[in-house]
Amino acid sequence: MLTPTAYGLAIVLDLFIVFIGLRFLLVPQASAAGYGVPAKPGGDAAYLTVKGVRDLTYGILGLALLAFAGAHAEAWFMLVVALIPLADTVIVLRNGGTKAVAFGIHFATAVVVLISAALLFAV
């Protein structure tokens, strides 16, 4: 039961970050608003594209690690990438975003990613 849960959560998280990356590439202004810090119209296109490419790449890398290197490699990956939503929490708070978004989305995501890492290490 632990193995399907560990793999399932990892796959869902990896696919979700692929979705977020694609969303930032396709609808950057709406994605920035959902992130918690709205972008300036016409002023942040390059940064929004960087975020989209970063997230898309991390999602694909996570899926590749799970498929080709296994649960242990994916666990280390999840442990490291948990730093991103933790940093996103601080970014939102420092740039006028709400605590609800910072903690309810970004910090909560970091917790789920760390849970995923723990489950993968246990497999």
PDB file of N, CA and C in Angstrom:
ATOM      1  N   MET A   1       0.817  -1.205   0.000  1.00  0.00           N
ATOM      2  CA  MET A   1       0.000   0.000   0.000  1.00  0.00           C
ATOM      3  C   MET A   1       0.857   1.264   0.000  1.00  0.00           C
ATOM      4  N   LEU A   2       2.018   1.224   0.671  1.00  0.00           N
ATOM      5  CA  LEU A   2       2.887   2.390   0.746  1.00  0.00           C
ATOM      6  C   LEU A   2       3.483   2.743  -0.619  1.00  0.00           C
ATOM      7  N   THR A   3       3.884   1.741  -1.370  1.00  0.00           N
ATOM      8  CA  THR A   3       4.517   2.003  -2.666  1.00  0.00           C
ATOM      9  C   THR A   3       3.582   2.712  -3.638  1.00  0.00           C
ATOM     10  N   PRO A   4       2.338   2.240  -3.846  1.00  0.00           N
ATOM     11  CA  PRO A   4       1.457   2.974  -4.762  1.00  0.00           C
ATOM     12  C   PRO A   4       1.169   4.400  -4.280  1.00  0.00           C
ATOM     13  N   THR A   5       1.051   4.579  -2.980  1.00  0.00           N
ATOM     14  CA  THR A   5       0.801   5.917  -2.438  1.00  0.00           C
ATOM     15  C   THR A   5       2.000   6.827  -2.688  1.00  0.00           C
ATOM     16  N   ALA A   6       3.193   6.317  -2.422  1.00  0.00           N
ATOM     17  CA  ALA A   6       4.412   7.113  -2.615  1.00  0.00           C
ATOM     18  C   ALA A   6       4.588   7.488  -4.081  1.00  0.00           C
ATOM     19  N   TYR A   7       4.462   6.511  -4.958  1.00  0.00           N
ATOM     20  CA  TYR A   7       4.612   6.789  -6.389  1.00  0.00           C
ATOM     21  C   TYR A   7       3.483   7.678  -6.900  1.00  0.00           C
ATOM     22  N   GLY A   8       2.274   7.408  -6.464  1.00  0.00           N
ATOM     23  CA  GLY A   8       1.123   8.192  -6.912  1.00  0.00           C
ATOM     24  C   GLY A   8       1.244   9.658  -6.534  1.00  0.00           C
ATOM     25  N   LEU A   9       1.617   9.926  -5.282  1.00  0.00           N
ATOM     26  CA  LEU A   9       1.773  11.314  -4.844  1.00  0.00           C
ATOM     27  C   LEU A   9       2.891  11.998  -5.611  1.00  0.00           C
ATOM     28  N   ALA A  10       3.998  11.304  -5.819  1.00  0.00           N
ATOM     29  CA  ALA A  10       5.117  11.887  -6.564  1.00  0.00           C
ATOM     30  C   ALA A  10       4.701  12.222  -7.994  1.00  0.00           C
ATOM     31  N   ILE A  11       3.978  11.322  -8.631  1.00  0.00           N
ATOM     32  CA  ILE A  11       3.528  11.573 -10.004  1.00  0.00           C
ATOM     33  C   ILE A  11       2.580  12.759 -10.051  1.00  0.00           C
ATOM     34  N   VAL A  12       1.639  12.817  -9.118  1.00  0.00           N
ATOM     35  CA  VAL A  12       0.694  13.942  -9.078  1.00  0.00           C
ATOM     36  C   VAL A  12       1.439  15.261  -8.880  1.00  0.00           C
ATOM     37  N   LEU A  13       2.395  15.300  -7.962  1.00  0.00           N
ATOM     38  CA  LEU A  13       3.160  16.525  -7.725  1.00  0.00           C
ATOM     39  C   LEU A  13       3.979  16.922  -8.948  1.00  0.00           C
ATOM     40  N   ASP A  14       4.628  15.951  -9.581  1.00  0.00           N
ATOM     41  CA  ASP A  14       5.416  16.244 -10.791  1.00  0.00           C
ATOM     42  C   ASP A  14       4.526  16.765 -11.909  1.00  0.00           C
ATOM     43  N   LEU A  15       3.380  16.123 -12.120  1.00  0.00           N
ATOM     44  CA  LEU A  15       2.460  16.590 -13.171  1.00  0.00           C
ATOM     45  C   LEU A  15       1.892  17.967 -12.847  1.00  0.00           C
ATOM     46  N   PHE A  16       1.654  18.214 -11.567  1.00  0.00           N
ATOM     47  CA  PHE A  16       1.123  19.514 -11.168  1.00  0.00           C
ATOM     48  C   PHE A  16       2.123  20.623 -11.458  1.00  0.00           C
ATOM     49  N   ILE A  17       3.400  20.382 -11.216  1.00  0.00           N
ATOM     50  CA  ILE A  17       4.398  21.416 -11.483  1.00  0.00           C
ATOM     51  C   ILE A  17       4.597  21.580 -12.992  1.00  0.00           C
ATOM     52  N   VAL A  18       4.421  20.519 -13.768  1.00  0.00           N
ATOM     53  CA  VAL A  18       4.420  20.657 -15.231  1.00  0.00           C
ATOM     54  C   VAL A  18       3.269  21.569 -15.648  1.00  0.00           C
ATOM     55  N   PHE A  19       2.095  21.337 -15.082  1.00  0.00           N
ATOM     56  CA  PHE A  19       0.932  22.172 -15.378  1.00  0.00           C
ATOM     57  C   PHE A  19       1.193  23.636 -15.029  1.00  0.00           C
ATOM     58  N   ILE A  20       1.762  23.879 -13.856  1.00  0.00           N
ATOM     59  CA  ILE A  20       2.056  25.251 -13.443  1.00  0.00           C
ATOM     60  C   ILE A  20       3.043  25.898 -14.407  1.00  0.00           C
ATOM     61  N   GLY A  21       4.071  25.162 -14.797  1.00  0.00           N
ATOM     62  CA  GLY A  21       5.043  25.694 -15.755  1.00  0.00           C
ATOM     63  C   GLY A  21       4.397  26.049 -17.081  1.00  0.00           C
ATOM     64  N   LEU A  22       3.571  25.143 -17.594  1.00  0.00           N
ATOM     65  CA  LEU A  22       2.879  25.420 -18.856  1.00  0.00           C
ATOM     66  C   LEU A  22       1.939  26.608 -18.723  1.00  0.00           C
ATOM     67  N   ARG A  23       1.274  26.713 -17.582  1.00  0.00           N
ATOM     68  CA  ARG A  23       0.350  27.831 -17.363  1.00  0.00           C
ATOM     69  C   ARG A  23       1.110  29.158 -17.359  1.00  0.00           C
ATOM     70  N   PHE A  24       2.281  29.201 -16.726  1.00  0.00           N
ATOM     71  CA  PHE A  24       3.082  30.423 -16.727  1.00  0.00           C
ATOM     72  C   PHE A  24       3.562  30.779 -18.132  1.00  0.00           C
ATOM     73  N   LEU A  25       3.792  29.790 -18.966  1.00  0.00           N
ATOM     74  CA  LEU A  25       4.206  30.062 -20.341  1.00  0.00           C
ATOM     75  C   LEU A  25       3.041  30.526 -21.212  1.00  0.00           C
ATOM     76  N   LEU A  26       1.848  30.000 -20.947  1.00  0.00           N
ATOM     77  CA  LEU A  26       0.699  30.286 -21.802  1.00  0.00           C
ATOM     78  C   LEU A  26      -0.141  31.475 -21.338  1.00  0.00           C
ATOM     79  N   VAL A  27      -0.336  31.619 -20.047  1.00  0.00           N
ATOM     80  CA  VAL A  27      -1.122  32.745 -19.495  1.00  0.00           C
ATOM     81  C   VAL A  27      -0.369  33.344 -18.306  1.00  0.00           C
ATOM     82  N   PRO A  28       0.726  34.035 -18.582  1.00  0.00           N
ATOM     83  CA  PRO A  28       1.612  34.477 -17.505  1.00  0.00           C
ATOM     84  C   PRO A  28       0.980  35.454 -16.512  1.00  0.00           C
ATOM     85  N   GLN A  29       0.185  36.395 -16.972  1.00  0.00           N
ATOM     86  CA  GLN A  29      -0.389  37.377 -16.054  1.00  0.00           C
ATOM     87  C   GLN A  29      -1.338  36.710 -15.054  1.00  0.00           C
ATOM     88  N   ALA A  30      -2.203  35.853 -15.543  1.00  0.00           N
ATOM     89  CA  ALA A  30      -3.135  35.142 -14.656  1.00  0.00           C
ATOM     90  C   ALA A  30      -2.380  34.216 -13.708  1.00  0.00           C
ATOM     91  N   SER A  31      -1.326  33.596 -14.201  1.00  0.00           N
ATOM     92  CA  SER A  31      -0.533  32.699 -13.366  1.00  0.00           C
ATOM     93  C   SER A  31       0.164  33.459 -12.248  1.00  0.00           C
ATOM     94  N   ALA A  32       0.687  34.631 -12.555  1.00  0.00           N
ATOM     95  CA  ALA A  32       1.354  35.446 -11.542  1.00  0.00           C
ATOM     96  C   ALA A  32       0.365  35.857 -10.453  1.00  0.00           C
ATOM     97  N   ALA A  33      -0.840  36.219 -10.858  1.00  0.00           N
ATOM     98  CA  ALA A  33      -1.858  36.586  -9.872  1.00  0.00           C
ATOM     99  C   ALA A  33      -2.184  35.388  -8.976  1.00  0.00           C
ATOM    100  N   GLY A  34      -2.282  34.200  -9.561  1.00  0.00           N
ATOM    101  CA  GLY A  34      -2.539  32.992  -8.784  1.00  0.00           C
ATOM    102  C   GLY A  34      -1.384  32.620  -7.872  1.00  0.00           C
ATOM    103  N   TYR A  35      -0.182  32.992  -8.270  1.00  0.00           N
ATOM    104  CA  TYR A  35       1.022  32.754  -7.466  1.00  0.00           C
ATOM    105  C   TYR A  35       0.978  33.558  -6.167  1.00  0.00           C
ATOM    106  N   GLY A  36       0.327  34.709  -6.242  1.00  0.00           N
ATOM    107  CA  GLY A  36       0.200  35.528  -5.041  1.00  0.00           C
ATOM    108  C   GLY A  36       0.810  36.903  -5.150  1.00  0.00           C
ATOM    109  N   VAL A  37       1.544  37.153  -6.237  1.00  0.00           N
ATOM    110  CA  VAL A  37       2.138  38.462  -6.483  1.00  0.00           C
ATOM    111  C   VAL A  37       1.855  38.819  -7.946  1.00  0.00           C
ATOM    112  N   PRO A  38       0.806  39.609  -8.189  1.00  0.00           N
ATOM    113  CA  PRO A  38       0.476  39.953  -9.576  1.00  0.00           C
ATOM    114  C   PRO A  38       1.636  40.644 -10.279  1.00  0.00           C
ATOM    115  N   ALA A  39       1.794  40.342 -11.563  1.00  0.00           N
ATOM    116  CA  ALA A  39       2.850  40.951 -12.371  1.00  0.00           C
ATOM    117  C   ALA A  39       2.379  42.295 -12.911  1.00  0.00           C
ATOM    118  N   LYS A  40       3.331  43.168 -13.143  1.00  0.00           N
ATOM    119  CA  LYS A  40       3.021  44.445 -13.756  1.00  0.00           C
ATOM    120  C   LYS A  40       2.688  44.203 -15.227  1.00  0.00           C
ATOM    121  N   PRO A  41       1.601  44.760 -15.724  1.00  0.00           N
ATOM    122  CA  PRO A  41       1.253  44.550 -17.134  1.00  0.00           C
ATOM    123  C   PRO A  41       2.392  45.001 -18.057  1.00  0.00           C
ATOM    124  N   GLY A  42       2.840  44.080 -18.885  1.00  0.00           N
ATOM    125  CA  GLY A  42       3.875  44.386 -19.862  1.00  0.00           C
ATOM    126  C   GLY A  42       5.277  44.543 -19.302  1.00  0.00           C
ATOM    127  N   GLY A  43       5.483  44.344 -17.992  1.00  0.00           N
ATOM    128  CA  GLY A  43       6.789  44.609 -17.427  1.00  0.00           C
ATOM    129  C   GLY A  43       7.551  43.405 -16.924  1.00  0.00           C
ATOM    130  N   ASP A  44       6.913  42.290 -16.775  1.00  0.00           N
ATOM    131  CA  ASP A  44       7.563  41.137 -16.157  1.00  0.00           C
ATOM    132  C   ASP A  44       7.578  39.895 -17.050  1.00  0.00           C
ATOM    133  N   ALA A  45       7.439  40.069 -18.342  1.00  0.00           N
ATOM    134  CA  ALA A  45       7.303  38.921 -19.245  1.00  0.00           C
ATOM    135  C   ALA A  45       8.488  37.954 -19.157  1.00  0.00           C
ATOM    136  N   ALA A  46       9.699  38.481 -19.127  1.00  0.00           N
ATOM    137  CA  ALA A  46      10.875  37.600 -19.087  1.00  0.00           C
ATOM    138  C   ALA A  46      10.903  36.781 -17.800  1.00  0.00           C
ATOM    139  N   TYR A  47      10.606  37.404 -16.669  1.00  0.00           N
ATOM    140  CA  TYR A  47      10.637  36.688 -15.388  1.00  0.00           C
ATOM    141  C   TYR A  47       9.544  35.637 -15.316  1.00  0.00           C
ATOM    142  N   LEU A  48       8.396  35.952 -15.867  1.00  0.00           N
ATOM    143  CA  LEU A  48       7.309  34.978 -15.865  1.00  0.00           C
ATOM    144  C   LEU A  48       7.654  33.794 -16.761  1.00  0.00           C
ATOM    145  N   THR A  49       8.335  34.058 -17.869  1.00  0.00           N
ATOM    146  CA  THR A  49       8.768  32.984 -18.754  1.00  0.00           C
ATOM    147  C   THR A  49       9.818  32.112 -18.067  1.00  0.00           C
ATOM    148  N   VAL A  50      10.739  32.743 -17.359  1.00  0.00           N
ATOM    149  CA  VAL A  50      11.755  31.989 -16.616  1.00  0.00           C
ATOM    150  C   VAL A  50      11.082  31.066 -15.612  1.00  0.00           C
ATOM    151  N   LYS A  51      10.100  31.581 -14.878  1.00  0.00           N
ATOM    152  CA  LYS A  51       9.395  30.751 -13.897  1.00  0.00           C
ATOM    153  C   LYS A  51       8.700  29.587 -14.590  1.00  0.00           C
ATOM    154  N   GLY A  52       8.074  29.854 -15.725  1.00  0.00           N
ATOM    155  CA  GLY A  52       7.394  28.791 -16.461  1.00  0.00           C
ATOM    156  C   GLY A  52       8.351  27.702 -16.913  1.00  0.00           C
ATOM    157  N   VAL A  53       9.476  28.106 -17.473  1.00  0.00           N
ATOM    158  CA  VAL A  53      10.465  27.133 -17.943  1.00  0.00           C
ATOM    159  C   VAL A  53      11.043  26.356 -16.760  1.00  0.00           C
ATOM    160  N   ARG A  54      11.333  27.062 -15.666  1.00  0.00           N
ATOM    161  CA  ARG A  54      11.882  26.399 -14.472  1.00  0.00           C
ATOM    162  C   ARG A  54      10.926  25.329 -13.965  1.00  0.00           C
ATOM    163  N   ASP A  55       9.659  25.710 -13.789  1.00  0.00           N
ATOM    164  CA  ASP A  55       8.687  24.766 -13.245  1.00  0.00           C
ATOM    165  C   ASP A  55       8.448  23.593 -14.198  1.00  0.00           C
ATOM    166  N   LEU A  56       8.311  23.879 -15.467  1.00  0.00           N
ATOM    167  CA  LEU A  56       8.116  22.817 -16.460  1.00  0.00           C
ATOM    168  C   LEU A  56       9.290  21.833 -16.426  1.00  0.00           C
ATOM    169  N   THR A  57      10.501  22.367 -16.378  1.00  0.00           N
ATOM    170  CA  THR A  57      11.696  21.523 -16.356  1.00  0.00           C
ATOM    171  C   THR A  57      11.763  20.665 -15.097  1.00  0.00           C
ATOM    172  N   TYR A  58      11.470  21.264 -13.941  1.00  0.00           N
ATOM    173  CA  TYR A  58      11.492  20.480 -12.703  1.00  0.00           C
ATOM    174  C   TYR A  58      10.447  19.378 -12.715  1.00  0.00           C
ATOM    175  N   GLY A  59       9.283  19.651 -13.256  1.00  0.00           N
ATOM    176  CA  GLY A  59       8.254  18.618 -13.337  1.00  0.00           C
ATOM    177  C   GLY A  59       8.671  17.456 -14.214  1.00  0.00           C
ATOM    178  N   ILE A  60       9.241  17.779 -15.369  1.00  0.00           N
ATOM    179  CA  ILE A  60       9.706  16.729 -16.285  1.00  0.00           C
ATOM    180  C   ILE A  60      10.869  15.956 -15.672  1.00  0.00           C
ATOM    181  N   LEU A  61      11.780  16.665 -15.016  1.00  0.00           N
ATOM    182  CA  LEU A  61      12.903  15.998 -14.356  1.00  0.00           C
ATOM    183  C   LEU A  61      12.411  15.037 -13.280  1.00  0.00           C
ATOM    184  N   GLY A  62      11.433  15.461 -12.494  1.00  0.00           N
ATOM    185  CA  GLY A  62      10.888  14.586 -11.466  1.00  0.00           C
ATOM    186  C   GLY A  62      10.295  13.320 -12.057  1.00  0.00           C
ATOM    187  N   LEU A  63       9.538  13.473 -13.133  1.00  0.00           N
ATOM    188  CA  LEU A  63       8.954  12.297 -13.793  1.00  0.00           C
ATOM    189  C   LEU A  63      10.045  11.381 -14.341  1.00  0.00           C
ATOM    190  N   ALA A  64      11.091  11.976 -14.940  1.00  0.00           N
ATOM    191  CA  ALA A  64      12.189  11.172 -15.494  1.00  0.00           C
ATOM    192  C   ALA A  64      12.931  10.427 -14.384  1.00  0.00           C
ATOM    193  N   LEU A  65      13.176  11.093 -13.276  1.00  0.00           N
ATOM    194  CA  LEU A  65      13.861  10.422 -12.161  1.00  0.00           C
ATOM    195  C   LEU A  65      13.046   9.245 -11.650  1.00  0.00           C
ATOM    196  N   LEU A  66      11.769   9.457 -11.503  1.00  0.00           N
ATOM    197  CA  LEU A  66      10.911   8.385 -11.001  1.00  0.00           C
ATOM    198  C   LEU A  66      10.888   7.204 -11.969  1.00  0.00           C
ATOM    199  N   ALA A  67      10.822   7.515 -13.258  1.00  0.00           N
ATOM    200  CA  ALA A  67      10.742   6.453 -14.267  1.00  0.00           C
ATOM    201  C   ALA A  67      12.065   5.720 -14.473  1.00  0.00           C
ATOM    202  N   PHE A  68      13.171   6.451 -14.442  1.00  0.00           N
ATOM    203  CA  PHE A  68      14.438   5.858 -14.861  1.00  0.00           C
ATOM    204  C   PHE A  68      15.455   5.637 -13.736  1.00  0.00           C
ATOM    205  N   ALA A  69      15.284   6.340 -12.600  1.00  0.00           N
ATOM    206  CA  ALA A  69      16.251   6.185 -11.513  1.00  0.00           C
ATOM    207  C   ALA A  69      15.623   5.585 -10.260  1.00  0.00           C
ATOM    208  N   GLY A  70      14.313   5.691 -10.111  1.00  0.00           N
ATOM    209  CA  GLY A  70      13.637   5.042  -9.000  1.00  0.00           C
ATOM    210  C   GLY A  70      13.247   5.966  -7.865  1.00  0.00           C
ATOM    211  N   ALA A  71      12.633   5.344  -6.878  1.00  0.00           N
ATOM    212  CA  ALA A  71      12.040   6.077  -5.763  1.00  0.00           C
ATOM    213  C   ALA A  71      13.078   6.816  -4.925  1.00  0.00           C
ATOM    214  N   HIS A  72      14.232   6.219  -4.723  1.00  0.00           N
ATOM    215  CA  HIS A  72      15.239   6.857  -3.876  1.00  0.00           C
ATOM    216  C   HIS A  72      15.748   8.159  -4.496  1.00  0.00           C
ATOM    217  N   ALA A  73      16.021   8.138  -5.792  1.00  0.00           N
ATOM    218  CA  ALA A  73      16.464   9.360  -6.484  1.00  0.00           C
ATOM    219  C   ALA A  73      15.360  10.409  -6.465  1.00  0.00           C
ATOM    220  N   GLU A  74      14.122   9.988  -6.675  1.00  0.00           N
ATOM    221  CA  GLU A  74      12.988  10.916  -6.633  1.00  0.00           C
ATOM    222  C   GLU A  74      12.816  11.505  -5.235  1.00  0.00           C
ATOM    223  N   ALA A  75      13.085  10.707  -4.211  1.00  0.00           N
ATOM    224  CA  ALA A  75      12.983  11.197  -2.835  1.00  0.00           C
ATOM    225  C   ALA A  75      13.978  12.327  -2.593  1.00  0.00           C
ATOM    226  N   TRP A  76      15.220  12.140  -3.033  1.00  0.00           N
ATOM    227  CA  TRP A  76      16.216  13.199  -2.897  1.00  0.00           C
ATOM    228  C   TRP A  76      15.820  14.440  -3.689  1.00  0.00           C
ATOM    229  N   PHE A  77      15.307  14.226  -4.873  1.00  0.00           N
ATOM    230  CA  PHE A  77      14.832  15.336  -5.703  1.00  0.00           C
ATOM    231  C   PHE A  77      13.730  16.105  -4.974  1.00  0.00           C
ATOM    232  N   MET A  78      12.760  15.405  -4.429  1.00  0.00           N
ATOM    233  CA  MET A  78      11.653  16.057  -3.710  1.00  0.00           C
ATOM    234  C   MET A  78      12.170  16.811  -2.491  1.00  0.00           C
ATOM    235  N   LEU A  79      13.120  16.227  -1.797  1.00  0.00           N
ATOM    236  CA  LEU A  79      13.687  16.885  -0.627  1.00  0.00           C
ATOM    237  C   LEU A  79      14.332  18.221  -1.024  1.00  0.00           C
ATOM    238  N   VAL A  80      15.063  18.217  -2.112  1.00  0.00           N
ATOM    239  CA  VAL A  80      15.732  19.438  -2.569  1.00  0.00           C
ATOM    240  C   VAL A  80      14.734  20.453  -3.119  1.00  0.00           C
ATOM    241  N   VAL A  81      13.807  20.013  -3.955  1.00  0.00           N
ATOM    242  CA  VAL A  81      12.891  20.984  -4.567  1.00  0.00           C
ATOM    243  C   VAL A  81      11.856  21.522  -3.592  1.00  0.00           C
ATOM    244  N   ALA A  82      11.760  20.951  -2.403  1.00  0.00           N
ATOM    245  CA  ALA A  82      10.879  21.533  -1.378  1.00  0.00           C
ATOM    246  C   ALA A  82      11.348  22.938  -1.000  1.00  0.00           C
ATOM    247  N   LEU A  83      12.603  23.240  -1.287  1.00  0.00           N
ATOM    248  CA  LEU A  83      13.114  24.595  -1.040  1.00  0.00           C
ATOM    249  C   LEU A  83      12.397  25.639  -1.892  1.00  0.00           C
ATOM    250  N   ILE A  84      11.933  25.246  -3.065  1.00  0.00           N
ATOM    251  CA  ILE A  84      11.278  26.210  -3.957  1.00  0.00           C
ATOM    252  C   ILE A  84       9.978  26.738  -3.364  1.00  0.00           C
ATOM    253  N   PRO A  85       9.028  25.897  -2.962  1.00  0.00           N
ATOM    254  CA  PRO A  85       7.822  26.476  -2.373  1.00  0.00           C
ATOM    255  C   PRO A  85       8.078  27.167  -1.033  1.00  0.00           C
ATOM    256  N   LEU A  86       9.112  26.736  -0.307  1.00  0.00           N
ATOM    257  CA  LEU A  86       9.464  27.465   0.914  1.00  0.00           C
ATOM    258  C   LEU A  86       9.939  28.875   0.563  1.00  0.00           C
ATOM    259  N   ALA A  87      10.777  28.982  -0.451  1.00  0.00           N
ATOM    260  CA  ALA A  87      11.225  30.303  -0.904  1.00  0.00           C
ATOM    261  C   ALA A  87      10.054  31.106  -1.468  1.00  0.00           C
ATOM    262  N   ASP A  88       9.160  30.440  -2.185  1.00  0.00           N
ATOM    263  CA  ASP A  88       7.978  31.126  -2.724  1.00  0.00           C
ATOM    264  C   ASP A  88       7.137  31.721  -1.600  1.00  0.00           C
ATOM    265  N   THR A  89       7.065  31.033  -0.470  1.00  0.00           N
ATOM    266  CA  THR A  89       6.334  31.552   0.692  1.00  0.00           C
ATOM    267  C   THR A  89       6.915  32.901   1.103  1.00  0.00           C
ATOM    268  N   VAL A  90       8.224  32.966   1.213  1.00  0.00           N
ATOM    269  CA  VAL A  90       8.902  34.198   1.615  1.00  0.00           C
ATOM    270  C   VAL A  90       8.738  35.277   0.550  1.00  0.00           C
ATOM    271  N   ILE A  91       8.848  34.895  -0.706  1.00  0.00           N
ATOM    272  CA  ILE A  91       8.702  35.857  -1.807  1.00  0.00           C
ATOM    273  C   ILE A  91       7.326  36.510  -1.771  1.00  0.00           C
ATOM    274  N   VAL A  92       6.299  35.706  -1.603  1.00  0.00           N
ATOM    275  CA  VAL A  92       4.938  36.248  -1.556  1.00  0.00           C
ATOM    276  C   VAL A  92       4.789  37.199  -0.372  1.00  0.00           C
ATOM    277  N   LEU A  93       5.271  36.802   0.791  1.00  0.00           N
ATOM    278  CA  LEU A  93       5.157  37.644   1.981  1.00  0.00           C
ATOM    279  C   LEU A  93       5.938  38.950   1.837  1.00  0.00           C
ATOM    280  N   ARG A  94       7.109  38.896   1.232  1.00  0.00           N
ATOM    281  CA  ARG A  94       7.953  40.091   1.086  1.00  0.00           C
ATOM    282  C   ARG A  94       7.473  41.027  -0.009  1.00  0.00           C
ATOM    283  N   ASN A  95       6.583  40.562  -0.857  1.00  0.00           N
ATOM    284  CA  ASN A  95       6.154  41.377  -1.991  1.00  0.00           C
ATOM    285  C   ASN A  95       4.670  41.712  -1.967  1.00  0.00           C
ATOM    286  N   GLY A  96       4.109  41.777  -0.791  1.00  0.00           N
ATOM    287  CA  GLY A  96       2.746  42.257  -0.646  1.00  0.00           C
ATOM    288  C   GLY A  96       1.651  41.232  -0.828  1.00  0.00           C
ATOM    289  N   GLY A  97       2.011  39.968  -0.974  1.00  0.00           N
ATOM    290  CA  GLY A  97       0.990  38.930  -1.075  1.00  0.00           C
ATOM    291  C   GLY A  97       0.371  38.649   0.282  1.00  0.00           C
ATOM    292  N   THR A  98      -0.722  37.947   0.264  1.00  0.00           N
ATOM    293  CA  THR A  98      -1.419  37.653   1.519  1.00  0.00           C
ATOM    294  C   THR A  98      -0.800  36.454   2.224  1.00  0.00           C
ATOM    295  N   LYS A  99      -0.983  36.422   3.535  1.00  0.00           N
ATOM    296  CA  LYS A  99      -0.525  35.275   4.318  1.00  0.00           C
ATOM    297  C   LYS A  99      -1.289  34.022   3.919  1.00  0.00           C
ATOM    298  N   ALA A 100      -2.549  34.193   3.541  1.00  0.00           N
ATOM    299  CA  ALA A 100      -3.355  33.035   3.138  1.00  0.00           C
ATOM    300  C   ALA A 100      -2.739  32.343   1.925  1.00  0.00           C
ATOM    301  N   VAL A 101      -2.304  33.116   0.947  1.00  0.00           N
ATOM    302  CA  VAL A 101      -1.674  32.528  -0.243  1.00  0.00           C
ATOM    303  C   VAL A 101      -0.298  31.980   0.119  1.00  0.00           C
ATOM    304  N   ALA A 102       0.483  32.759   0.865  1.00  0.00           N
ATOM    305  CA  ALA A 102       1.841  32.332   1.204  1.00  0.00           C
ATOM    306  C   ALA A 102       1.839  31.001   1.942  1.00  0.00           C
ATOM    307  N   PHE A 103       0.984  30.900   2.958  1.00  0.00           N
ATOM    308  CA  PHE A 103       0.982  29.682   3.768  1.00  0.00           C
ATOM    309  C   PHE A 103       0.017  28.618   3.236  1.00  0.00           C
ATOM    310  N   GLY A 104      -1.132  29.064   2.726  1.00  0.00           N
ATOM    311  CA  GLY A 104      -2.153  28.132   2.253  1.00  0.00           C
ATOM    312  C   GLY A 104      -1.796  27.445   0.941  1.00  0.00           C
ATOM    313  N   ILE A 105      -0.987  28.107   0.137  1.00  0.00           N
ATOM    314  CA  ILE A 105      -0.576  27.502  -1.143  1.00  0.00           C
ATOM    315  C   ILE A 105       0.886  27.058  -1.072  1.00  0.00           C
ATOM    316  N   HIS A 106       1.793  28.008  -0.888  1.00  0.00           N
ATOM    317  CA  HIS A 106       3.221  27.704  -1.023  1.00  0.00           C
ATOM    318  C   HIS A 106       3.777  26.878   0.135  1.00  0.00           C
ATOM    319  N   PHE A 107       3.518  27.295   1.366  1.00  0.00           N
ATOM    320  CA  PHE A 107       4.031  26.530   2.503  1.00  0.00           C
ATOM    321  C   PHE A 107       3.381  25.150   2.562  1.00  0.00           C
ATOM    322  N   ALA A 108       2.075  25.107   2.298  1.00  0.00           N
ATOM    323  CA  ALA A 108       1.377  23.811   2.284  1.00  0.00           C
ATOM    324  C   ALA A 108       1.953  22.892   1.212  1.00  0.00           C
ATOM    325  N   THR A 109       2.301  23.472   0.070  1.00  0.00           N
ATOM    326  CA  THR A 109       2.926  22.681  -0.998  1.00  0.00           C
ATOM    327  C   THR A 109       4.254  22.110  -0.523  1.00  0.00           C
ATOM    328  N   ALA A 110       5.053  22.927   0.154  1.00  0.00           N
ATOM    329  CA  ALA A 110       6.341  22.446   0.665  1.00  0.00           C
ATOM    330  C   ALA A 110       6.138  21.267   1.617  1.00  0.00           C
ATOM    331  N   VAL A 111       5.141  21.357   2.459  1.00  0.00           N
ATOM    332  CA  VAL A 111       4.851  20.268   3.400  1.00  0.00           C
ATOM    333  C   VAL A 111       4.477  18.990   2.648  1.00  0.00           C
ATOM    334  N   VAL A 112       3.624  19.118   1.636  1.00  0.00           N
ATOM    335  CA  VAL A 112       3.216  17.939   0.856  1.00  0.00           C
ATOM    336  C   VAL A 112       4.414  17.346   0.112  1.00  0.00           C
ATOM    337  N   VAL A 113       5.274  18.196  -0.425  1.00  0.00           N
ATOM    338  CA  VAL A 113       6.474  17.706  -1.116  1.00  0.00           C
ATOM    339  C   VAL A 113       7.389  16.973  -0.132  1.00  0.00           C
ATOM    340  N   LEU A 114       7.520  17.485   1.066  1.00  0.00           N
ATOM    341  CA  LEU A 114       8.340  16.803   2.074  1.00  0.00           C
ATOM    342  C   LEU A 114       7.715  15.475   2.496  1.00  0.00           C
ATOM    343  N   ILE A 115       6.406  15.421   2.580  1.00  0.00           N
ATOM    344  CA  ILE A 115       5.711  14.160   2.861  1.00  0.00           C
ATOM    345  C   ILE A 115       5.986  13.168   1.742  1.00  0.00           C
ATOM    346  N   SER A 116       5.926  13.658   0.503  1.00  0.00           N
ATOM    347  CA  SER A 116       6.212  12.795  -0.640  1.00  0.00           C
ATOM    348  C   SER A 116       7.634  12.245  -0.548  1.00  0.00           C
ATOM    349  N   ALA A 117       8.586  13.093  -0.193  1.00  0.00           N
ATOM    350  CA  ALA A 117       9.972  12.644  -0.045  1.00  0.00           C
ATOM    351  C   ALA A 117      10.080  11.561   1.016  1.00  0.00           C
ATOM    352  N   ALA A 118       9.427  11.775   2.144  1.00  0.00           N
ATOM    353  CA  ALA A 118       9.471  10.787   3.227  1.00  0.00           C
ATOM    354  C   ALA A 118       8.874   9.449   2.788  1.00  0.00           C
ATOM    355  N   LEU A 119       7.752   9.502   2.083  1.00  0.00           N
ATOM    356  CA  LEU A 119       7.147   8.263   1.593  1.00  0.00           C
ATOM    357  C   LEU A 119       8.054   7.546   0.605  1.00  0.00           C
ATOM    358  N   LEU A 120       8.684   8.304  -0.271  1.00  0.00           N
ATOM    359  CA  LEU A 120       9.586   7.696  -1.260  1.00  0.00           C
ATOM    360  C   LEU A 120      10.825   7.093  -0.603  1.00  0.00           C
ATOM    361  N   PHE A 121      11.343   7.772   0.436  1.00  0.00           N
ATOM    362  CA  PHE A 121      12.479   7.189   1.168  1.00  0.00           C
ATOM    363  C   PHE A 121      12.082   5.891   1.860  1.00  0.00           C
ATOM    364  N   ALA A 122      10.815   5.769   2.260  1.00  0.00           N
ATOM    365  CA  ALA A 122      10.338   4.589   2.974  1.00  0.00           C
ATOM    366  C   ALA A 122      10.071   3.402   2.055  1.00  0.00           C
ATOM    367  N   VAL A 123       9.979   3.644   0.771  1.00  0.00           N
ATOM    368  CA  VAL A 123       9.681   2.565  -0.190  1.00  0.00           C
ATOM    369  C   VAL A 123      10.893   1.675  -0.363  1.00  0.00           C
TER     370      VAL A 123
END
